[in-house]
């Protein structure tokens, strides 16, 4: 029995538009979250109101990024690479902030 060669498509699919937006929002969430964590470490755990505002903003940006990443999968015949990356990054940030809120309420 002869093996058929694998079919290769040389047509590149364009990136999903909502995936690009989700990726940009995930970058903003990462920047805000990193700045918040840096302020908390620099302040030895008492970062203040600015860090709290940055953390909540990072959580909101990550949730909106996850929403746009999910909507990107509704676009047909597109490349979903940025949507997958943004869903992963924004999901991790959202999980991180929810865990920080739970730790803060218990402590």
N, C-alpha and C. Protein backbone atom coordinates (compact mmCIF):
# COMPACT_ATOMS: atom_id res chain seq x y z
N UNK A 1 0.83 -1.16 0.00
CA UNK A 1 0.00 0.00 0.00
C UNK A 1 0.89 1.24 0.00
N UNK A 2 0.59 2.11 -0.94
CA UNK A 2 1.39 3.33 -1.10
C UNK A 2 0.94 4.42 -0.14
N UNK A 3 1.90 5.12 0.43
CA UNK A 3 1.57 6.24 1.31
C UNK A 3 1.37 7.49 0.47
N UNK A 4 0.30 8.19 0.78
CA UNK A 4 0.05 9.45 0.08
C UNK A 4 0.84 10.56 0.76
N UNK A 5 1.36 11.48 -0.02
CA UNK A 5 2.05 12.60 0.62
C UNK A 5 1.04 13.48 1.38
N UNK A 6 1.51 14.04 2.45
CA UNK A 6 0.64 14.91 3.26
C UNK A 6 0.27 16.15 2.46
N UNK A 7 -0.98 16.56 2.61
CA UNK A 7 -1.41 17.76 1.92
C UNK A 7 -0.92 18.99 2.67
N UNK A 8 -0.31 19.88 1.94
CA UNK A 8 0.20 21.10 2.53
C UNK A 8 -0.50 22.28 1.87
N UNK A 9 -1.03 23.14 2.69
CA UNK A 9 -1.67 24.34 2.18
C UNK A 9 -0.69 25.50 2.27
N UNK A 10 -0.47 26.15 1.17
CA UNK A 10 0.44 27.29 1.15
C UNK A 10 -0.30 28.61 1.30
N UNK A 11 -1.57 28.54 1.50
CA UNK A 11 -2.37 29.74 1.70
C UNK A 11 -2.39 30.05 3.18
N UNK A 12 -1.91 31.21 3.54
CA UNK A 12 -1.89 31.60 4.95
C UNK A 12 -3.22 32.23 5.32
N UNK A 13 -3.74 31.79 6.43
CA UNK A 13 -4.99 32.36 6.92
C UNK A 13 -4.68 33.66 7.65
N UNK A 14 -5.49 34.67 7.45
CA UNK A 14 -5.25 35.92 8.18
C UNK A 14 -5.60 35.75 9.66
N UNK A 15 -4.98 36.58 10.49
CA UNK A 15 -5.25 36.54 11.92
C UNK A 15 -6.65 37.05 12.19
N UNK A 16 -7.28 36.49 13.19
CA UNK A 16 -8.61 36.94 13.59
C UNK A 16 -8.51 38.36 14.15
N UNK A 17 -9.41 39.23 13.72
CA UNK A 17 -9.37 40.63 14.15
C UNK A 17 -9.60 40.74 15.65
N UNK A 18 -10.54 39.99 16.16
CA UNK A 18 -10.79 40.04 17.60
C UNK A 18 -9.65 39.43 18.39
N UNK A 19 -8.91 38.53 17.76
CA UNK A 19 -7.73 37.96 18.40
C UNK A 19 -6.64 39.00 18.59
N UNK A 20 -6.49 39.90 17.61
CA UNK A 20 -5.51 40.98 17.74
C UNK A 20 -5.90 41.89 18.90
N UNK A 21 -7.18 42.22 18.98
CA UNK A 21 -7.65 43.08 20.06
C UNK A 21 -7.48 42.40 21.42
N UNK A 22 -7.77 41.11 21.47
CA UNK A 22 -7.60 40.36 22.71
C UNK A 22 -6.14 40.33 23.13
N UNK A 23 -5.25 40.20 22.17
CA UNK A 23 -3.82 40.19 22.46
C UNK A 23 -3.36 41.53 23.01
N UNK A 24 -3.84 42.62 22.41
CA UNK A 24 -3.47 43.96 22.89
C UNK A 24 -3.99 44.18 24.31
N UNK A 25 -5.21 43.75 24.58
CA UNK A 25 -5.77 43.89 25.92
C UNK A 25 -5.01 43.03 26.93
N UNK A 26 -4.57 41.86 26.52
CA UNK A 26 -3.79 41.00 27.40
C UNK A 26 -2.43 41.64 27.71
N UNK A 27 -1.86 42.34 26.73
CA UNK A 27 -0.60 43.04 26.99
C UNK A 27 -0.80 44.17 28.00
N UNK A 28 -1.91 44.89 27.87
CA UNK A 28 -2.20 45.97 28.83
C UNK A 28 -2.42 45.37 30.23
N UNK A 29 -3.16 44.27 30.31
CA UNK A 29 -3.38 43.62 31.60
C UNK A 29 -2.07 43.15 32.21
N UNK A 30 -1.16 42.65 31.39
CA UNK A 30 0.13 42.21 31.87
C UNK A 30 0.97 43.39 32.37
N UNK A 31 0.93 44.49 31.63
CA UNK A 31 1.70 45.67 32.05
C UNK A 31 1.16 46.22 33.38
N UNK A 32 -0.15 46.35 33.49
CA UNK A 32 -0.74 46.86 34.72
C UNK A 32 -0.52 45.91 35.90
N UNK A 33 -0.68 44.62 35.65
CA UNK A 33 -0.47 43.63 36.71
C UNK A 33 0.97 43.58 37.16
N UNK A 34 1.90 43.66 36.23
CA UNK A 34 3.31 43.65 36.60
C UNK A 34 3.69 44.89 37.40
N UNK A 35 3.16 46.04 37.00
CA UNK A 35 3.42 47.26 37.74
C UNK A 35 2.84 47.18 39.15
N UNK A 36 1.66 46.61 39.27
CA UNK A 36 1.04 46.44 40.58
C UNK A 36 1.86 45.52 41.48
N UNK A 37 2.30 44.41 40.95
CA UNK A 37 3.12 43.48 41.73
C UNK A 37 4.44 44.14 42.12
N UNK A 38 5.03 44.90 41.21
CA UNK A 38 6.29 45.58 41.50
C UNK A 38 6.10 46.59 42.63
N UNK A 39 4.99 47.35 42.58
CA UNK A 39 4.71 48.31 43.65
C UNK A 39 4.50 47.61 44.99
N UNK A 40 3.84 46.47 44.97
CA UNK A 40 3.60 45.72 46.21
C UNK A 40 4.91 45.18 46.79
N UNK A 41 5.79 44.71 45.94
CA UNK A 41 7.07 44.18 46.42
C UNK A 41 7.94 45.33 46.92
N UNK A 42 7.93 46.43 46.20
CA UNK A 42 8.73 47.59 46.61
C UNK A 42 8.23 48.18 47.94
N UNK A 43 6.93 48.11 48.17
CA UNK A 43 6.37 48.64 49.40
C UNK A 43 6.29 47.63 50.51
N UNK A 44 6.92 46.50 50.36
CA UNK A 44 6.93 45.43 51.37
C UNK A 44 5.52 45.00 51.78
N UNK A 45 4.64 44.87 50.82
CA UNK A 45 3.30 44.37 51.08
C UNK A 45 2.26 45.44 51.34
N UNK A 46 2.68 46.66 51.57
CA UNK A 46 1.71 47.75 51.76
C UNK A 46 1.86 48.72 50.59
N UNK A 47 1.26 48.37 49.49
CA UNK A 47 1.46 49.12 48.26
C UNK A 47 0.58 50.35 48.17
N UNK A 48 -0.57 50.34 48.79
CA UNK A 48 -1.42 51.52 48.78
C UNK A 48 -2.53 51.44 47.76
N UNK A 49 -3.21 52.56 47.64
CA UNK A 49 -4.40 52.64 46.81
C UNK A 49 -4.09 52.52 45.32
N UNK A 50 -2.94 53.08 44.90
CA UNK A 50 -2.58 53.02 43.49
C UNK A 50 -2.40 51.58 43.01
N UNK A 51 -1.76 50.78 43.82
CA UNK A 51 -1.55 49.38 43.45
C UNK A 51 -2.88 48.63 43.38
N UNK A 52 -3.78 48.94 44.31
CA UNK A 52 -5.11 48.31 44.26
C UNK A 52 -5.87 48.68 43.01
N UNK A 53 -5.78 49.96 42.62
CA UNK A 53 -6.45 50.40 41.39
C UNK A 53 -5.83 49.74 40.17
N UNK A 54 -4.51 49.59 40.17
CA UNK A 54 -3.85 48.90 39.05
C UNK A 54 -4.25 47.43 38.99
N UNK A 55 -4.37 46.80 40.16
CA UNK A 55 -4.77 45.39 40.20
C UNK A 55 -6.18 45.17 39.69
N UNK A 56 -7.11 46.02 40.11
CA UNK A 56 -8.49 45.90 39.63
C UNK A 56 -8.56 46.18 38.13
N UNK A 57 -7.80 47.18 37.68
CA UNK A 57 -7.77 47.48 36.24
C UNK A 57 -7.19 46.31 35.45
N UNK A 58 -6.15 45.70 35.99
CA UNK A 58 -5.56 44.54 35.33
C UNK A 58 -6.57 43.39 35.25
N UNK A 59 -7.32 43.18 36.32
CA UNK A 59 -8.36 42.14 36.31
C UNK A 59 -9.41 42.43 35.26
N UNK A 60 -9.87 43.68 35.18
CA UNK A 60 -10.89 44.03 34.18
C UNK A 60 -10.37 43.88 32.76
N UNK A 61 -9.13 44.34 32.52
CA UNK A 61 -8.55 44.18 31.19
C UNK A 61 -8.39 42.70 30.82
N UNK A 62 -8.02 41.87 31.78
CA UNK A 62 -7.86 40.45 31.48
C UNK A 62 -9.21 39.79 31.20
N UNK A 63 -10.26 40.20 31.90
CA UNK A 63 -11.59 39.63 31.62
C UNK A 63 -12.10 40.04 30.25
N UNK A 64 -11.90 41.30 29.89
CA UNK A 64 -12.32 41.76 28.56
C UNK A 64 -11.48 41.09 27.48
N UNK A 65 -10.20 40.90 27.75
CA UNK A 65 -9.33 40.21 26.80
C UNK A 65 -9.79 38.77 26.59
N UNK A 66 -10.18 38.10 27.66
CA UNK A 66 -10.68 36.73 27.53
C UNK A 66 -11.97 36.70 26.72
N UNK A 67 -12.81 37.69 26.92
CA UNK A 67 -14.06 37.77 26.16
C UNK A 67 -13.78 37.96 24.66
N UNK A 68 -12.89 38.88 24.33
CA UNK A 68 -12.53 39.09 22.92
C UNK A 68 -11.84 37.85 22.34
N UNK A 69 -11.02 37.19 23.14
CA UNK A 69 -10.37 35.96 22.67
C UNK A 69 -11.38 34.87 22.37
N UNK A 70 -12.40 34.78 23.21
CA UNK A 70 -13.46 33.80 22.97
C UNK A 70 -14.25 34.15 21.70
N UNK A 71 -14.55 35.43 21.51
CA UNK A 71 -15.29 35.86 20.32
C UNK A 71 -14.47 35.68 19.04
N UNK A 72 -13.15 35.68 19.17
CA UNK A 72 -12.30 35.50 17.98
C UNK A 72 -12.50 34.12 17.36
N UNK A 73 -12.86 33.14 18.18
CA UNK A 73 -13.06 31.79 17.64
C UNK A 73 -14.35 31.68 16.82
N UNK A 74 -15.19 32.69 16.86
CA UNK A 74 -16.40 32.69 16.03
C UNK A 74 -16.11 33.10 14.59
N UNK A 75 -14.97 33.73 14.36
CA UNK A 75 -14.58 34.11 13.00
C UNK A 75 -14.10 32.85 12.27
N UNK A 76 -14.60 32.66 11.09
CA UNK A 76 -14.28 31.45 10.31
C UNK A 76 -13.07 31.66 9.41
N UNK A 77 -12.34 30.59 9.17
CA UNK A 77 -11.18 30.57 8.30
C UNK A 77 -10.15 31.61 8.69
N UNK A 78 -9.81 31.64 9.95
CA UNK A 78 -8.83 32.58 10.48
C UNK A 78 -7.78 31.84 11.27
N UNK A 79 -6.67 32.50 11.49
CA UNK A 79 -5.62 31.98 12.34
C UNK A 79 -5.92 32.43 13.77
N UNK A 80 -5.98 31.51 14.70
CA UNK A 80 -6.39 31.81 16.06
C UNK A 80 -5.22 31.85 17.04
N UNK A 81 -4.01 32.04 16.55
CA UNK A 81 -2.84 32.01 17.41
C UNK A 81 -2.89 33.09 18.48
N UNK A 82 -3.18 34.32 18.09
CA UNK A 82 -3.22 35.41 19.06
C UNK A 82 -4.37 35.23 20.04
N UNK A 83 -5.46 34.66 19.58
CA UNK A 83 -6.60 34.42 20.47
C UNK A 83 -6.23 33.38 21.52
N UNK A 84 -5.51 32.35 21.13
CA UNK A 84 -5.09 31.32 22.09
C UNK A 84 -4.12 31.88 23.12
N UNK A 85 -3.16 32.67 22.65
CA UNK A 85 -2.18 33.26 23.56
C UNK A 85 -2.87 34.20 24.53
N UNK A 86 -3.77 35.04 24.02
CA UNK A 86 -4.43 36.01 24.89
C UNK A 86 -5.36 35.33 25.89
N UNK A 87 -6.03 34.26 25.47
CA UNK A 87 -6.87 33.52 26.41
C UNK A 87 -6.05 32.92 27.54
N UNK A 88 -4.90 32.39 27.20
CA UNK A 88 -4.03 31.80 28.22
C UNK A 88 -3.51 32.87 29.19
N UNK A 89 -2.98 33.94 28.64
CA UNK A 89 -2.39 34.99 29.48
C UNK A 89 -3.46 35.66 30.33
N UNK A 90 -4.58 36.02 29.71
CA UNK A 90 -5.63 36.72 30.46
C UNK A 90 -6.29 35.79 31.49
N UNK A 91 -6.40 34.52 31.17
CA UNK A 91 -6.94 33.57 32.12
C UNK A 91 -6.05 33.41 33.34
N UNK A 92 -4.74 33.39 33.10
CA UNK A 92 -3.80 33.29 34.22
C UNK A 92 -3.84 34.54 35.09
N UNK A 93 -3.92 35.72 34.45
CA UNK A 93 -4.00 36.95 35.23
C UNK A 93 -5.31 37.02 36.02
N UNK A 94 -6.41 36.63 35.42
CA UNK A 94 -7.69 36.65 36.13
C UNK A 94 -7.65 35.69 37.31
N UNK A 95 -7.10 34.51 37.12
CA UNK A 95 -6.97 33.54 38.21
C UNK A 95 -6.06 34.08 39.32
N UNK A 96 -4.98 34.73 38.92
CA UNK A 96 -4.06 35.32 39.90
C UNK A 96 -4.77 36.37 40.74
N UNK A 97 -5.53 37.26 40.10
CA UNK A 97 -6.19 38.33 40.85
C UNK A 97 -7.32 37.82 41.72
N UNK A 98 -8.02 36.81 41.26
CA UNK A 98 -9.07 36.21 42.11
C UNK A 98 -8.44 35.56 43.34
N UNK A 99 -7.32 34.87 43.14
CA UNK A 99 -6.62 34.25 44.28
C UNK A 99 -6.10 35.31 45.25
N UNK A 100 -5.58 36.42 44.72
CA UNK A 100 -5.10 37.50 45.58
C UNK A 100 -6.24 38.12 46.38
N UNK A 101 -7.41 38.24 45.77
CA UNK A 101 -8.57 38.79 46.49
C UNK A 101 -9.01 37.84 47.60
N UNK A 102 -9.01 36.55 47.33
CA UNK A 102 -9.40 35.56 48.34
C UNK A 102 -8.39 35.56 49.48
N UNK A 103 -7.10 35.62 49.16
CA UNK A 103 -6.06 35.67 50.19
C UNK A 103 -6.21 36.95 51.02
N UNK A 104 -6.49 38.06 50.35
CA UNK A 104 -6.65 39.32 51.06
C UNK A 104 -7.87 39.34 51.97
N UNK A 105 -8.93 38.66 51.58
CA UNK A 105 -10.11 38.62 52.43
C UNK A 105 -9.91 37.72 53.64
N UNK A 106 -9.15 36.64 53.47
CA UNK A 106 -8.91 35.74 54.58
C UNK A 106 -7.86 36.26 55.55
N UNK A 107 -6.93 37.08 55.04
CA UNK A 107 -5.83 37.56 55.87
C UNK A 107 -6.23 38.74 56.61
